[in-house]
């Protein structure tokens, strides 16, 4: 439901030139025998440009991942909400997020959000490229943790 395989299909389909300036870091534990992400990463033509942290992620690793990120991609196929979206916005990062559940409302007014329809790989790739052009910019989160 998180759409990671959609992201991996898009990344794997990039040309060598397109992927040359990118590094994909996948952070989070896969559950219930979900082995498709690991297979897509292992067989990727860009596998040397992918870091896969397939384990429970403690807070300090989460912090490090966001500190090193230039863009956050959330290609959910379905979701009611996303803590990852709120962390990305609180860090001011450009974020590609699918238009599912409460995510459009959660990111409403956030200038760093790029919205794409779920399951549309062409639009996901376009959204990623748009967000990559925003890398290095920081955006104000219209919400706060309080």
N, C-alpha and C. Protein backbone atom coordinates (compact mmCIF):
# COMPACT_ATOMS: atom_id res chain seq x y z
N UNK A 1 0.80 -1.21 0.00
CA UNK A 1 0.00 0.00 0.00
C UNK A 1 0.85 1.28 0.00
N UNK A 2 2.11 1.17 0.35
CA UNK A 2 2.97 2.36 0.40
C UNK A 2 3.51 2.75 -0.97
N UNK A 3 3.37 1.88 -1.97
CA UNK A 3 3.78 2.24 -3.32
C UNK A 3 5.28 2.20 -3.56
N UNK A 4 6.03 1.54 -2.68
CA UNK A 4 7.48 1.48 -2.85
C UNK A 4 7.85 0.84 -4.17
N UNK A 5 7.10 -0.19 -4.58
CA UNK A 5 7.43 -0.82 -5.86
C UNK A 5 7.21 0.14 -7.02
N UNK A 6 6.23 1.04 -6.90
CA UNK A 6 6.04 2.07 -7.94
C UNK A 6 7.27 2.96 -8.03
N UNK A 7 7.76 3.40 -6.88
CA UNK A 7 8.96 4.24 -6.85
C UNK A 7 10.16 3.50 -7.45
N UNK A 8 10.32 2.24 -7.11
CA UNK A 8 11.45 1.47 -7.62
C UNK A 8 11.34 1.23 -9.12
N UNK A 9 10.14 0.99 -9.62
CA UNK A 9 9.96 0.84 -11.07
C UNK A 9 10.35 2.13 -11.78
N UNK A 10 9.95 3.27 -11.23
CA UNK A 10 10.32 4.56 -11.83
C UNK A 10 11.83 4.75 -11.79
N UNK A 11 12.43 4.54 -10.63
CA UNK A 11 13.88 4.73 -10.50
C UNK A 11 14.64 3.78 -11.42
N UNK A 12 14.21 2.53 -11.47
CA UNK A 12 14.88 1.54 -12.32
C UNK A 12 14.74 1.87 -13.79
N UNK A 13 13.68 2.59 -14.16
CA UNK A 13 13.45 2.95 -15.55
C UNK A 13 14.18 4.20 -16.01
N UNK A 14 14.84 4.89 -15.10
CA UNK A 14 15.59 6.08 -15.47
C UNK A 14 16.80 5.70 -16.32
N UNK A 15 17.18 6.60 -17.19
CA UNK A 15 18.40 6.37 -17.95
C UNK A 15 19.60 6.52 -17.02
N UNK A 16 20.75 6.04 -17.46
CA UNK A 16 21.97 6.18 -16.67
C UNK A 16 22.24 7.66 -16.40
N UNK A 17 22.02 8.48 -17.40
CA UNK A 17 22.24 9.92 -17.25
C UNK A 17 21.29 10.52 -16.20
N UNK A 18 19.99 10.16 -16.27
CA UNK A 18 19.02 10.69 -15.31
C UNK A 18 19.34 10.24 -13.89
N UNK A 19 19.75 9.00 -13.73
CA UNK A 19 20.02 8.46 -12.40
C UNK A 19 21.37 8.91 -11.85
N UNK A 20 22.26 9.38 -12.71
CA UNK A 20 23.63 9.69 -12.29
C UNK A 20 23.70 10.75 -11.19
N UNK A 21 22.76 11.66 -11.14
CA UNK A 21 22.78 12.69 -10.11
C UNK A 21 21.91 12.37 -8.92
N UNK A 22 21.38 11.15 -8.88
CA UNK A 22 20.43 10.78 -7.82
C UNK A 22 20.98 9.65 -6.96
N UNK A 23 20.54 9.63 -5.72
CA UNK A 23 20.81 8.52 -4.82
C UNK A 23 19.50 8.22 -4.11
N UNK A 24 19.03 7.00 -4.20
CA UNK A 24 17.78 6.60 -3.57
C UNK A 24 18.08 5.88 -2.27
N UNK A 25 17.52 6.37 -1.19
CA UNK A 25 17.64 5.71 0.11
C UNK A 25 16.25 5.26 0.53
N UNK A 26 16.09 3.97 0.71
CA UNK A 26 14.83 3.37 1.13
C UNK A 26 14.99 2.98 2.59
N UNK A 27 14.16 3.57 3.45
CA UNK A 27 14.30 3.36 4.88
C UNK A 27 13.01 2.79 5.44
N UNK A 28 13.10 1.65 6.09
CA UNK A 28 11.94 1.06 6.75
C UNK A 28 11.87 -0.44 6.55
N UNK A 29 11.28 -1.08 7.51
CA UNK A 29 11.19 -2.53 7.53
C UNK A 29 10.04 -3.05 6.67
N UNK A 30 10.34 -4.01 5.81
CA UNK A 30 9.26 -4.67 5.06
C UNK A 30 8.67 -5.75 5.95
N UNK A 31 7.39 -6.01 5.79
CA UNK A 31 6.67 -6.95 6.64
C UNK A 31 6.05 -8.06 5.83
N UNK A 32 5.66 -9.10 6.53
CA UNK A 32 4.81 -10.17 6.03
C UNK A 32 5.28 -10.74 4.69
N UNK A 33 6.57 -11.03 4.60
CA UNK A 33 7.09 -11.67 3.40
C UNK A 33 7.14 -10.80 2.16
N UNK A 34 7.07 -9.51 2.34
CA UNK A 34 7.13 -8.58 1.21
C UNK A 34 8.57 -8.53 0.70
N UNK A 35 8.84 -9.26 -0.38
CA UNK A 35 10.21 -9.31 -0.89
C UNK A 35 10.39 -8.60 -2.22
N UNK A 36 9.31 -8.04 -2.77
CA UNK A 36 9.39 -7.34 -4.06
C UNK A 36 10.36 -6.15 -4.01
N UNK A 37 10.34 -5.31 -2.98
CA UNK A 37 11.31 -4.20 -2.95
C UNK A 37 12.76 -4.69 -3.00
N UNK A 38 13.09 -5.69 -2.22
CA UNK A 38 14.46 -6.20 -2.22
C UNK A 38 14.83 -6.75 -3.59
N UNK A 39 13.91 -7.44 -4.26
CA UNK A 39 14.18 -7.97 -5.60
C UNK A 39 14.39 -6.83 -6.60
N UNK A 40 13.52 -5.80 -6.54
CA UNK A 40 13.65 -4.68 -7.47
C UNK A 40 14.95 -3.90 -7.24
N UNK A 41 15.38 -3.82 -6.01
CA UNK A 41 16.64 -3.13 -5.70
C UNK A 41 17.82 -3.97 -6.19
N UNK A 42 17.79 -5.27 -5.90
CA UNK A 42 18.91 -6.14 -6.30
C UNK A 42 19.07 -6.23 -7.81
N UNK A 43 17.98 -6.14 -8.55
CA UNK A 43 18.05 -6.27 -10.01
C UNK A 43 18.06 -4.92 -10.71
N UNK A 44 18.11 -3.85 -9.96
CA UNK A 44 18.08 -2.51 -10.55
C UNK A 44 19.34 -2.23 -11.36
N UNK A 45 19.18 -1.60 -12.52
CA UNK A 45 20.38 -1.17 -13.25
C UNK A 45 21.14 -0.07 -12.50
N UNK A 46 20.49 0.50 -11.49
CA UNK A 46 21.10 1.56 -10.68
C UNK A 46 21.32 1.09 -9.23
N UNK A 47 21.46 -0.20 -9.02
CA UNK A 47 21.54 -0.74 -7.66
C UNK A 47 22.68 -0.13 -6.84
N UNK A 48 23.74 0.31 -7.50
CA UNK A 48 24.85 0.94 -6.78
C UNK A 48 24.49 2.35 -6.31
N UNK A 49 23.32 2.84 -6.72
CA UNK A 49 22.86 4.18 -6.32
C UNK A 49 21.67 4.07 -5.35
N UNK A 50 21.50 2.89 -4.74
CA UNK A 50 20.38 2.66 -3.82
C UNK A 50 20.93 2.13 -2.50
N UNK A 51 20.49 2.75 -1.42
CA UNK A 51 20.74 2.24 -0.07
C UNK A 51 19.41 1.74 0.46
N UNK A 52 19.40 0.51 0.98
CA UNK A 52 18.17 -0.11 1.49
C UNK A 52 18.38 -0.45 2.95
N UNK A 53 17.69 0.25 3.82
CA UNK A 53 17.74 0.00 5.26
C UNK A 53 16.45 -0.72 5.61
N UNK A 54 16.48 -2.05 5.49
CA UNK A 54 15.29 -2.88 5.67
C UNK A 54 15.24 -3.42 7.09
N UNK A 55 14.90 -2.53 8.02
CA UNK A 55 14.82 -2.91 9.43
C UNK A 55 14.00 -1.87 10.17
N UNK A 56 13.64 -2.22 11.39
CA UNK A 56 12.98 -1.25 12.26
C UNK A 56 13.89 -0.03 12.36
N UNK A 57 13.31 1.15 12.30
CA UNK A 57 14.10 2.37 12.26
C UNK A 57 13.93 3.15 13.57
N UNK A 58 14.98 3.16 14.40
CA UNK A 58 14.91 3.94 15.64
C UNK A 58 14.99 5.44 15.32
N UNK A 59 14.58 6.25 16.27
CA UNK A 59 14.50 7.70 16.07
C UNK A 59 15.79 8.32 15.55
N UNK A 60 16.94 7.88 16.04
CA UNK A 60 18.19 8.51 15.60
C UNK A 60 18.48 8.21 14.13
N UNK A 61 18.05 7.06 13.64
CA UNK A 61 18.24 6.74 12.21
C UNK A 61 17.25 7.56 11.38
N UNK A 62 16.04 7.73 11.89
CA UNK A 62 15.05 8.57 11.20
C UNK A 62 15.60 9.98 11.06
N UNK A 63 16.12 10.52 12.15
CA UNK A 63 16.69 11.87 12.11
C UNK A 63 17.82 11.96 11.10
N UNK A 64 18.71 10.99 11.09
CA UNK A 64 19.83 11.00 10.15
C UNK A 64 19.33 10.91 8.71
N UNK A 65 18.34 10.09 8.47
CA UNK A 65 17.80 9.95 7.11
C UNK A 65 17.24 11.27 6.61
N UNK A 66 16.49 11.96 7.43
CA UNK A 66 15.92 13.24 7.01
C UNK A 66 17.00 14.32 6.92
N UNK A 67 18.00 14.27 7.79
CA UNK A 67 19.09 15.24 7.72
C UNK A 67 19.86 15.12 6.41
N UNK A 68 19.95 13.90 5.86
CA UNK A 68 20.71 13.67 4.63
C UNK A 68 19.85 13.72 3.37
N UNK A 69 18.54 13.84 3.54
CA UNK A 69 17.63 13.82 2.38
C UNK A 69 17.55 15.19 1.71
N UNK A 70 17.42 15.16 0.40
CA UNK A 70 17.15 16.37 -0.37
C UNK A 70 15.69 16.44 -0.77
N UNK A 71 15.06 15.27 -0.94
CA UNK A 71 13.67 15.14 -1.38
C UNK A 71 13.10 13.90 -0.69
N UNK A 72 11.81 13.93 -0.38
CA UNK A 72 11.13 12.77 0.19
C UNK A 72 10.03 12.35 -0.79
N UNK A 73 9.98 11.05 -1.10
CA UNK A 73 8.99 10.53 -2.03
C UNK A 73 8.05 9.60 -1.26
N UNK A 74 6.76 9.90 -1.30
CA UNK A 74 5.74 9.10 -0.61
C UNK A 74 4.68 8.66 -1.63
N UNK A 75 4.95 7.56 -2.34
CA UNK A 75 4.07 7.13 -3.42
C UNK A 75 2.92 6.22 -2.99
N UNK A 76 2.31 6.51 -1.85
CA UNK A 76 1.26 5.66 -1.31
C UNK A 76 0.18 5.35 -2.36
N UNK A 77 -0.31 4.13 -2.32
CA UNK A 77 -1.48 3.75 -3.12
C UNK A 77 -2.75 3.99 -2.33
N UNK A 78 -2.62 3.87 -1.02
CA UNK A 78 -3.73 4.22 -0.12
C UNK A 78 -3.13 4.59 1.22
N UNK A 79 -3.78 5.50 1.89
CA UNK A 79 -3.30 5.94 3.19
C UNK A 79 -4.32 6.90 3.76
N UNK A 80 -4.52 6.85 5.05
CA UNK A 80 -5.40 7.84 5.68
C UNK A 80 -4.57 9.03 6.17
N UNK A 81 -3.33 8.75 6.59
CA UNK A 81 -2.43 9.81 7.04
C UNK A 81 -1.00 9.30 6.95
N UNK A 82 -0.05 10.19 7.22
CA UNK A 82 1.36 9.79 7.14
C UNK A 82 2.20 10.64 8.08
N UNK A 83 2.77 9.99 9.08
CA UNK A 83 3.71 10.68 9.96
C UNK A 83 4.95 11.11 9.20
N UNK A 84 5.36 10.29 8.22
CA UNK A 84 6.53 10.61 7.41
C UNK A 84 6.34 11.92 6.66
N UNK A 85 5.14 12.15 6.15
CA UNK A 85 4.83 13.41 5.46
C UNK A 85 5.03 14.58 6.41
N UNK A 86 4.54 14.47 7.63
CA UNK A 86 4.65 15.57 8.58
C UNK A 86 6.10 15.81 9.00
N UNK A 87 6.88 14.76 9.13
CA UNK A 87 8.30 14.94 9.46
C UNK A 87 9.00 15.63 8.30
N UNK A 88 8.73 15.19 7.07
CA UNK A 88 9.35 15.82 5.89
C UNK A 88 9.01 17.30 5.82
N UNK A 89 7.75 17.64 6.08
CA UNK A 89 7.35 19.05 6.04
C UNK A 89 7.99 19.83 7.18
N UNK A 90 8.09 19.23 8.36
CA UNK A 90 8.72 19.95 9.48
C UNK A 90 10.20 20.19 9.21
N UNK A 91 10.82 19.34 8.37
CA UNK A 91 12.21 19.53 7.97
C UNK A 91 12.33 20.50 6.80
N UNK A 92 11.19 20.89 6.21
CA UNK A 92 11.20 21.84 5.10
C UNK A 92 11.59 21.25 3.77
N UNK A 93 11.55 19.93 3.65
CA UNK A 93 12.00 19.26 2.43
C UNK A 93 10.94 19.24 1.33
N UNK A 94 11.37 19.27 0.07
CA UNK A 94 10.43 19.00 -1.01
C UNK A 94 9.91 17.57 -0.85
N UNK A 95 8.63 17.38 -1.09
CA UNK A 95 8.03 16.07 -0.91
C UNK A 95 7.08 15.77 -2.07
N UNK A 96 7.23 14.58 -2.64
CA UNK A 96 6.30 14.09 -3.65
C UNK A 96 5.33 13.19 -2.90
N UNK A 97 4.05 13.48 -3.01
CA UNK A 97 3.06 12.73 -2.25
C UNK A 97 1.85 12.45 -3.14
N UNK A 98 1.34 11.24 -3.02
CA UNK A 98 0.17 10.88 -3.82
C UNK A 98 -1.10 11.45 -3.21
N UNK A 99 -2.06 11.65 -4.07
CA UNK A 99 -3.35 12.24 -3.69
C UNK A 99 -4.28 11.14 -3.20
N UNK A 100 -4.01 10.62 -2.01
CA UNK A 100 -4.84 9.57 -1.41
C UNK A 100 -5.19 9.96 0.02
N UNK A 101 -6.31 9.43 0.48
CA UNK A 101 -6.73 9.63 1.86
C UNK A 101 -6.68 11.08 2.29
N UNK A 102 -6.12 11.32 3.47
CA UNK A 102 -6.02 12.67 4.00
C UNK A 102 -4.73 13.38 3.64
N UNK A 103 -3.92 12.80 2.76
CA UNK A 103 -2.62 13.39 2.46
C UNK A 103 -2.71 14.74 1.75
N UNK A 104 -3.62 14.92 0.78
CA UNK A 104 -3.70 16.26 0.17
C UNK A 104 -4.06 17.35 1.19
N UNK A 105 -4.97 17.02 2.10
CA UNK A 105 -5.35 18.01 3.12
C UNK A 105 -4.19 18.24 4.09
N UNK A 106 -3.47 17.18 4.43
CA UNK A 106 -2.35 17.31 5.37
C UNK A 106 -1.25 18.20 4.81
N UNK A 107 -1.05 18.15 3.49
CA UNK A 107 0.02 18.95 2.87
C UNK A 107 -0.50 20.23 2.23
N UNK A 108 -1.78 20.49 2.39
CA UNK A 108 -2.35 21.71 1.82
C UNK A 108 -1.62 22.94 2.33
N UNK A 109 -1.24 23.80 1.41
CA UNK A 109 -0.56 25.03 1.78
C UNK A 109 0.95 24.89 1.92
N UNK A 110 1.46 23.67 1.80
CA UNK A 110 2.90 23.44 1.90
C UNK A 110 3.50 23.63 0.51
N UNK A 111 4.30 24.65 0.35
CA UNK A 111 4.83 25.02 -0.97
C UNK A 111 5.83 24.00 -1.54
N UNK A 112 6.35 23.12 -0.70
CA UNK A 112 7.28 22.11 -1.15
C UNK A 112 6.62 20.81 -1.58
N UNK A 113 5.29 20.75 -1.58
CA UNK A 113 4.58 19.53 -1.94
C UNK A 113 4.34 19.45 -3.44
N UNK A 114 4.61 18.28 -3.99
CA UNK A 114 4.30 17.97 -5.38
C UNK A 114 3.31 16.81 -5.31
N UNK A 115 2.09 17.04 -5.76
CA UNK A 115 1.05 16.02 -5.71
C UNK A 115 0.98 15.24 -7.01
N UNK A 116 0.84 13.92 -6.88
CA UNK A 116 0.70 13.05 -8.05
C UNK A 116 -0.40 12.04 -7.76
N UNK A 117 -1.06 11.55 -8.81
CA UNK A 117 -2.08 10.51 -8.59
C UNK A 117 -1.43 9.18 -8.22
N UNK A 118 -2.09 8.38 -7.41
CA UNK A 118 -1.51 7.09 -7.02
C UNK A 118 -1.45 6.13 -8.20
N UNK A 119 -0.38 5.33 -8.24
CA UNK A 119 -0.26 4.28 -9.24
C UNK A 119 0.05 4.75 -10.65
N UNK A 120 0.28 6.04 -10.84
CA UNK A 120 0.58 6.58 -12.16
C UNK A 120 2.09 6.81 -12.24
N UNK A 121 2.80 5.87 -12.87
CA UNK A 121 4.26 5.93 -12.87
C UNK A 121 4.80 7.10 -13.69
N UNK A 122 4.11 7.47 -14.75
CA UNK A 122 4.54 8.61 -15.56
C UNK A 122 4.48 9.89 -14.74
N UNK A 123 3.38 10.08 -14.04
CA UNK A 123 3.22 11.28 -13.21
C UNK A 123 4.14 11.23 -11.99
N UNK A 124 4.39 10.04 -11.46
CA UNK A 124 5.33 9.92 -10.34
C UNK A 124 6.72 10.34 -10.77
N UNK A 125 7.16 9.88 -11.94
CA UNK A 125 8.48 10.28 -12.44
C UNK A 125 8.54 11.80 -12.65
N UNK A 126 7.50 12.36 -13.24
CA UNK A 126 7.47 13.82 -13.45
C UNK A 126 7.50 14.56 -12.11
N UNK A 127 6.77 14.05 -11.13
CA UNK A 127 6.77 14.67 -9.81
C UNK A 127 8.12 14.60 -9.14
N UNK A 128 8.80 13.47 -9.30
CA UNK A 128 10.14 13.32 -8.73
C UNK A 128 11.08 14.33 -9.37
N UNK A 129 11.04 14.44 -10.68
CA UNK A 129 11.94 15.38 -11.36
C UNK A 129 11.63 16.83 -10.97
N UNK A 130 10.36 17.13 -10.76
CA UNK A 130 9.99 18.47 -10.29
C UNK A 130 10.56 18.72 -8.89
N UNK A 131 10.42 17.74 -8.02
CA UNK A 131 10.93 17.89 -6.65
C UNK A 131 12.46 17.97 -6.63
N UNK A 132 13.12 17.20 -7.50
CA UNK A 132 14.58 17.24 -7.57
C UNK A 132 15.05 18.66 -7.92
N UNK A 133 14.31 19.34 -8.77
CA UNK A 133 14.69 20.72 -9.12
C UNK A 133 14.51 21.67 -7.93
N UNK A 134 13.74 21.26 -6.91
CA UNK A 134 13.55 22.07 -5.71
C UNK A 134 14.54 21.71 -4.61
N UNK A 135 15.37 20.68 -4.83
CA UNK A 135 16.34 20.25 -3.82
C UNK A 135 17.22 21.43 -3.43
N UNK A 136 17.49 21.51 -2.15
CA UNK A 136 18.30 22.61 -1.63
C UNK A 136 17.47 23.76 -1.09
N UNK A 137 16.21 23.83 -1.51
CA UNK A 137 15.31 24.84 -0.97
C UNK A 137 14.67 24.29 0.31
N UNK A 138 14.30 25.16 1.20
CA UNK A 138 13.57 24.76 2.40
C UNK A 138 12.25 25.52 2.40
N UNK A 139 11.22 24.83 2.84
CA UNK A 139 9.86 25.36 2.80
C UNK A 139 9.31 25.43 4.21
N UNK A 140 8.44 26.38 4.44
CA UNK A 140 7.83 26.55 5.75
C UNK A 140 6.65 25.62 5.89
N UNK A 141 6.64 24.86 6.96
CA UNK A 141 5.53 23.96 7.26
C UNK A 141 4.37 24.80 7.78
N UNK A 142 3.19 24.72 7.14
CA UNK A 142 2.06 25.52 7.61
C UNK A 142 1.45 25.00 8.91
N UNK A 143 1.96 23.88 9.40
CA UNK A 143 1.48 23.31 10.65
C UNK A 143 2.64 23.22 11.64
N UNK A 144 2.31 22.91 12.87
CA UNK A 144 3.37 22.72 13.86
C UNK A 144 3.04 21.48 14.66
N UNK A 145 4.05 20.96 15.35
CA UNK A 145 3.82 19.79 16.18
C UNK A 145 2.94 20.13 17.37
N UNK A 146 2.91 21.38 17.76
CA UNK A 146 2.05 21.74 18.90
C UNK A 146 0.61 21.83 18.44
